Every structure is written in C-alpha cells, then in structure tokens.
Amino acid sequence: MNMMQHLPGACLAETKEVRAVCGEQMRVWFYDGCPSKIGVLAVIVLGLYILAYSPRMGTVPWVLNSEIYPLRFRGICGGIAAVSNWFANLIVSLTFLSLIHALGAAGTFLLFAGFSTIGLVAIYLL
C-alpha cells in the first residue's frame, strides 16, 4: 500500500497494512491517521512567531495607515483601508482550499506570490 497517494488529512481505513506503513515511516498509529512526531514543535514555533510578530511589526500597517492620510479624510480612508484588507483576507480564505485542490500547494503559493509581486510593482510605479 502506497501512503504517498493520500493527501494530508485523508481518512484511512484501520487495517494492519496501514499500521505497518506508519511504523515504516517512523510514525505512531493514531485513531484518525498518522501524525508526525514533531507536530508539537510546529505548534510551539508558530506560537513563538505570533508572540514576536504581533506586538511589533503586526501593528505597523494599522499605525502607519492612520498617519498617512490628511486629517479631514483620515476616518473614511482608514475605514476603506480596513475594509479592503478584510475583503482581501476573505477572498484568500474562500479560494485557498479550492486552489490547493486545483493547483497543489506549491502552485497556490506561487500564484499568491505572483499577485504580491504584481502589487509590489504597481505600488513602485505609482
């Protein structure tokens, strides 16, 4: 049985063959699949990243956004910027899983990187 043909998170039937493949890959059989033994490390590193990013660079766009507009337009422009940010987050959230299925993980991230590059070039030119 080849485990490579299954996507992460796929449901597997509990059989002796699946348990054997988990053992061959140095993984422990889990009721819902074959989790990696370093998953806890990934969660810890992600938590450390959030702790380091949020109070420092995470607030810069919001502070900078409130300072770049003239005082009489600051409220409406800040609102438009916030709505634009949340709308872009909504589009990414709604399309992400479909794009992963259609393009694969690498293709999806390359597509988003391409959009970011186009945006960077447009901002530079304007």
Protein backbone atom coordinates (compact mmCIF):
# COMPACT_ATOMS: atom_id res chain seq x y z
CA MET A 1 0.00 0.00 0.00
CA ASN A 2 1.46 3.35 -1.01
CA MET A 3 0.75 6.11 1.53
CA MET A 4 2.12 8.79 -0.80
CA GLN A 5 -1.05 8.76 -2.89
CA HIS A 6 -3.10 10.08 0.06
CA LEU A 7 -3.34 13.78 0.78
CA PRO A 8 -2.65 15.06 4.31
CA GLY A 9 -5.73 14.64 6.44
CA ALA A 10 -7.14 11.83 4.29
CA CYS A 11 -9.32 9.28 6.06
CA LEU A 12 -7.68 5.87 6.17
CA ALA A 13 -9.26 2.56 7.00
CA GLU A 14 -7.78 0.99 10.11
CA THR A 15 -6.01 -2.06 8.76
CA LYS A 16 -2.82 -3.92 9.60
CA GLU A 17 -1.23 -2.68 6.36
CA VAL A 18 -1.82 0.96 7.26
CA ARG A 19 -0.40 0.43 10.74
CA ALA A 20 2.65 -1.25 9.20
CA VAL A 21 3.22 1.67 6.82
CA CYS A 22 3.01 4.07 9.77
CA GLY A 23 5.66 2.03 11.56
CA GLU A 24 7.92 2.01 8.48
CA GLN A 25 7.71 5.81 8.29
CA MET A 26 8.69 6.15 11.97
CA ARG A 27 5.20 7.36 12.85
CA VAL A 28 2.83 6.25 15.55
CA TRP A 29 -0.59 4.97 14.57
CA PHE A 30 -3.28 7.40 15.66
CA TYR A 31 -7.00 6.78 15.54
CA ASP A 32 -7.53 9.43 12.82
CA GLY A 33 -4.33 8.93 10.80
CA CYS A 34 -0.56 9.04 11.10
CA PRO A 35 0.51 12.27 12.81
CA SER A 36 4.10 13.42 12.75
CA LYS A 37 6.06 13.26 15.99
CA ILE A 38 7.30 16.83 15.51
CA GLY A 39 3.83 18.37 15.25
CA VAL A 40 4.15 19.79 18.77
CA LEU A 41 7.34 21.57 17.70
CA ALA A 42 5.49 23.20 14.79
CA VAL A 43 2.79 24.49 17.13
CA ILE A 44 5.38 25.85 19.59
CA VAL A 45 7.34 27.63 16.83
CA LEU A 46 4.13 29.09 15.41
CA GLY A 47 3.18 30.37 18.86
CA LEU A 48 6.62 31.97 19.30
CA TYR A 49 6.30 33.62 15.88
CA ILE A 50 2.91 35.09 16.80
CA LEU A 51 4.25 36.31 20.16
CA ALA A 52 7.18 38.02 18.44
CA TYR A 53 5.29 39.43 15.44
CA SER A 54 2.03 40.69 16.92
CA PRO A 55 3.25 43.41 19.31
CA ARG A 56 5.96 44.66 16.97
CA MET A 57 5.54 44.53 13.17
CA GLY A 58 1.93 43.34 13.26
CA THR A 59 0.70 46.77 14.34
CA VAL A 60 2.79 48.85 11.91
CA PRO A 61 0.30 48.81 8.99
CA TRP A 62 -2.52 49.99 11.26
CA VAL A 63 -0.45 52.76 12.86
CA LEU A 64 1.05 53.84 9.55
CA ASN A 65 -2.35 53.76 7.88
CA SER A 66 -3.75 56.24 10.39
CA GLU A 67 -0.84 58.64 9.83
CA ILE A 68 -0.54 58.89 6.04
CA TYR A 69 -3.94 60.43 5.29
CA PRO A 70 -4.84 64.13 5.70
CA LEU A 71 -6.70 64.80 8.94
CA ARG A 72 -10.04 65.61 7.30
CA PHE A 73 -10.02 62.29 5.34
CA ARG A 74 -8.37 60.11 7.99
CA GLY A 75 -11.54 58.39 9.22
CA ILE A 76 -13.01 57.49 5.85
CA CYS A 77 -9.63 56.48 4.35
CA GLY A 78 -8.77 54.35 7.38
CA GLY A 79 -12.15 52.65 7.07
CA ILE A 80 -11.67 52.00 3.36
CA ALA A 81 -8.20 50.56 4.03
CA ALA A 82 -9.52 48.28 6.79
CA VAL A 83 -12.41 47.04 4.65
CA SER A 84 -10.03 46.43 1.73
CA ASN A 85 -7.72 44.43 3.99
CA TRP A 86 -10.54 42.28 5.37
CA PHE A 87 -12.04 41.81 1.89
CA ALA A 88 -8.68 40.56 0.58
CA ASN A 89 -8.47 38.17 3.56
CA LEU A 90 -11.97 36.92 2.74
CA ILE A 91 -11.04 36.25 -0.89
CA VAL A 92 -7.93 34.31 0.13
CA SER A 93 -9.88 32.31 2.74
CA LEU A 94 -12.69 31.44 0.33
CA THR A 95 -10.41 30.37 -2.54
CA PHE A 96 -7.49 28.76 -0.71
CA LEU A 97 -8.73 25.18 -0.41
CA SER A 98 -10.12 25.13 -3.96
CA LEU A 99 -6.81 26.41 -5.30
CA ILE A 100 -4.86 23.83 -3.26
CA HIS A 101 -7.03 21.13 -4.81
CA ALA A 102 -6.67 22.53 -8.36
CA LEU A 103 -3.06 23.76 -8.38
CA GLY A 104 -1.44 21.93 -5.48
CA ALA A 105 0.23 23.63 -2.52
CA ALA A 106 3.24 24.92 -4.44
CA GLY A 107 1.12 26.26 -7.30
CA THR A 108 -1.23 28.05 -4.91
CA PHE A 109 1.57 29.77 -3.04
CA LEU A 110 3.28 30.68 -6.31
CA LEU A 111 0.01 32.20 -7.53
CA PHE A 112 -0.29 34.32 -4.38
CA ALA A 113 3.39 35.26 -4.67
CA GLY A 114 2.74 36.36 -8.25
CA PHE A 115 -0.18 38.55 -7.12
CA SER A 116 2.04 40.06 -4.43
CA THR A 117 4.79 40.75 -6.97
CA ILE A 118 2.34 42.43 -9.33
CA GLY A 119 1.08 44.56 -6.44
CA LEU A 120 4.63 45.47 -5.43
CA VAL A 121 5.50 46.54 -8.98
CA ALA A 122 2.26 48.56 -9.25
CA ILE A 123 2.98 50.35 -5.96
CA TYR A 124 6.55 51.06 -7.06
CA LEU A 125 5.41 52.51 -10.41
CA LEU A 126 2.64 54.60 -8.88
